[in-house]
Amino acid sequence: MLALRAPDRVRSRAFALQVLISVLLAEGRIGEACESTRTLIRTTRTLGSVPVRLQLRGLDRQFAEHDGDPRARAVRAELQM
């Protein structure tokens, strides 16, 4: 099990979660990557961090590689909101 940063460290947690999502996508674990991405979106919605926003765009590009999967397409739509 992977331990992420404390809940009050939102930006640090976001970066750690983005790394986890990238690994999950690379391993083809789309469902888990989608769940983790939704968690990331919820926790960073009010965060005004430019680096985090740029990382979210990067995740969109990574999910684009899995556009044949409806779960990946759904998460891409959520990332673009």
C-alpha atoms as a PDB file:
ATOM      1  CA  MET A   1       0.000   0.000   0.000  1.00  0.00           C
ATOM      2  CA  LEU A   2       1.204   3.477  -0.874  1.00  0.00           C
ATOM      3  CA  ALA A   3       1.014   6.201   1.749  1.00  0.00           C
ATOM      4  CA  LEU A   4       0.434   9.683   0.417  1.00  0.00           C
ATOM      5  CA  ARG A   5       1.144  12.952   2.180  1.00  0.00           C
ATOM      6  CA  ALA A   6      -1.010  14.169   5.050  1.00  0.00           C
ATOM      7  CA  PRO A   7      -4.414  15.577   4.015  1.00  0.00           C
ATOM      8  CA  ASP A   8      -3.419  19.127   4.948  1.00  0.00           C
ATOM      9  CA  ARG A   9      -0.557  19.021   2.404  1.00  0.00           C
ATOM     10  CA  VAL A  10      -2.891  19.313  -0.591  1.00  0.00           C
ATOM     11  CA  ARG A  11      -0.338  20.313  -3.208  1.00  0.00           C
ATOM     12  CA  SER A  12       2.250  17.713  -2.125  1.00  0.00           C
ATOM     13  CA  ARG A  13      -0.486  15.093  -2.018  1.00  0.00           C
ATOM     14  CA  ALA A  14      -1.629  16.095  -5.490  1.00  0.00           C
ATOM     15  CA  PHE A  15       1.846  15.618  -6.941  1.00  0.00           C
ATOM     16  CA  ALA A  16       2.209  12.207  -5.272  1.00  0.00           C
ATOM     17  CA  LEU A  17      -1.196  11.136  -6.546  1.00  0.00           C
ATOM     18  CA  GLN A  18      -0.300  12.250 -10.079  1.00  0.00           C
ATOM     19  CA  VAL A  19       2.763  10.017 -10.006  1.00  0.00           C
ATOM     20  CA  LEU A  20       0.619   7.109  -8.828  1.00  0.00           C
ATOM     21  CA  ILE A  21      -1.895   7.747 -11.626  1.00  0.00           C
ATOM     22  CA  SER A  22       0.887   7.798 -14.229  1.00  0.00           C
ATOM     23  CA  VAL A  23       2.162   4.452 -12.975  1.00  0.00           C
ATOM     24  CA  LEU A  24      -1.332   2.948 -12.985  1.00  0.00           C
ATOM     25  CA  LEU A  25      -1.868   4.101 -16.569  1.00  0.00           C
ATOM     26  CA  ALA A  26       1.503   2.717 -17.658  1.00  0.00           C
ATOM     27  CA  GLU A  27       0.519  -0.625 -16.157  1.00  0.00           C
ATOM     28  CA  GLY A  28      -2.849  -0.564 -17.936  1.00  0.00           C
ATOM     29  CA  ARG A  29      -4.801  -0.309 -14.686  1.00  0.00           C
ATOM     30  CA  ILE A  30      -7.306   2.126 -16.148  1.00  0.00           C
ATOM     31  CA  GLY A  31     -10.073   1.661 -13.564  1.00  0.00           C
ATOM     32  CA  GLU A  32      -7.761   2.402 -10.646  1.00  0.00           C
ATOM     33  CA  ALA A  33      -6.236   5.342 -12.500  1.00  0.00           C
ATOM     34  CA  CYS A  34      -9.723   6.750 -13.107  1.00  0.00           C
ATOM     35  CA  GLU A  35     -10.698   6.420  -9.447  1.00  0.00           C
ATOM     36  CA  SER A  36      -7.477   8.090  -8.323  1.00  0.00           C
ATOM     37  CA  THR A  37      -7.935  10.873 -10.874  1.00  0.00           C
ATOM     38  CA  ARG A  38     -11.419  11.605  -9.592  1.00  0.00           C
ATOM     39  CA  THR A  39      -9.991  11.838  -6.077  1.00  0.00           C
ATOM     40  CA  LEU A  40      -7.315  14.194  -7.380  1.00  0.00           C
ATOM     41  CA  ILE A  41      -9.894  16.386  -9.124  1.00  0.00           C
ATOM     42  CA  ARG A  42     -12.011  16.606  -5.968  1.00  0.00           C
ATOM     43  CA  THR A  43      -9.081  17.486  -3.720  1.00  0.00           C
ATOM     44  CA  THR A  44      -7.545  20.084  -6.039  1.00  0.00           C
ATOM     45  CA  ARG A  45     -10.710  21.772  -7.297  1.00  0.00           C
ATOM     46  CA  THR A  46     -10.166  24.844  -5.112  1.00  0.00           C
ATOM     47  CA  LEU A  47      -6.373  24.802  -5.289  1.00  0.00           C
ATOM     48  CA  GLY A  48      -4.985  27.659  -7.368  1.00  0.00           C
ATOM     49  CA  SER A  49      -1.618  26.018  -7.997  1.00  0.00           C
ATOM     50  CA  VAL A  50      -0.357  26.505 -11.553  1.00  0.00           C
ATOM     51  CA  PRO A  51       2.029  23.512 -11.339  1.00  0.00           C
ATOM     52  CA  VAL A  52      -0.860  21.265 -10.273  1.00  0.00           C
ATOM     53  CA  ARG A  53      -3.013  22.544 -13.146  1.00  0.00           C
ATOM     54  CA  LEU A  54      -0.186  21.809 -15.590  1.00  0.00           C
ATOM     55  CA  GLN A  55       0.119  18.296 -14.185  1.00  0.00           C
ATOM     56  CA  LEU A  56      -3.619  17.769 -14.705  1.00  0.00           C
ATOM     57  CA  ARG A  57      -3.179  18.691 -18.368  1.00  0.00           C
ATOM     58  CA  GLY A  58      -0.417  16.121 -18.560  1.00  0.00           C
ATOM     59  CA  LEU A  59      -2.762  13.499 -17.144  1.00  0.00           C
ATOM     60  CA  ASP A  60      -5.292  14.395 -19.830  1.00  0.00           C
ATOM     61  CA  ARG A  61      -2.665  13.612 -22.464  1.00  0.00           C
ATOM     62  CA  GLN A  62      -1.850  10.313 -20.762  1.00  0.00           C
ATOM     63  CA  PHE A  63      -5.512   9.326 -20.642  1.00  0.00           C
ATOM     64  CA  ALA A  64      -5.804  10.242 -24.350  1.00  0.00           C
ATOM     65  CA  GLU A  65      -3.584   7.238 -25.083  1.00  0.00           C
ATOM     66  CA  HIS A  66      -6.393   5.069 -23.681  1.00  0.00           C
ATOM     67  CA  ASP A  67      -9.283   6.725 -25.543  1.00  0.00           C
ATOM     68  CA  GLY A  68     -10.569   3.319 -26.609  1.00  0.00           C
ATOM     69  CA  ASP A  69     -11.670   2.762 -23.020  1.00  0.00           C
ATOM     70  CA  PRO A  70     -14.913   4.558 -22.093  1.00  0.00           C
ATOM     71  CA  ARG A  71     -13.670   5.054 -18.522  1.00  0.00           C
ATOM     72  CA  ALA A  72     -10.639   6.949 -19.815  1.00  0.00           C
ATOM     73  CA  ARG A  73     -12.843   9.116 -22.054  1.00  0.00           C
ATOM     74  CA  ALA A  74     -15.125   9.925 -19.114  1.00  0.00           C
ATOM     75  CA  VAL A  75     -12.196  10.982 -16.927  1.00  0.00           C
ATOM     76  CA  ARG A  76     -10.788  13.131 -19.739  1.00  0.00           C
ATOM     77  CA  ALA A  77     -14.126  14.965 -19.868  1.00  0.00           C
ATOM     78  CA  GLU A  78     -13.919  15.536 -16.108  1.00  0.00           C
ATOM     79  CA  LEU A  79     -10.337  16.792 -16.381  1.00  0.00           C
ATOM     80  CA  GLN A  80     -11.409  19.353 -18.968  1.00  0.00           C
ATOM     81  CA  MET A  81     -14.134  20.867 -16.772  1.00  0.00           C
END
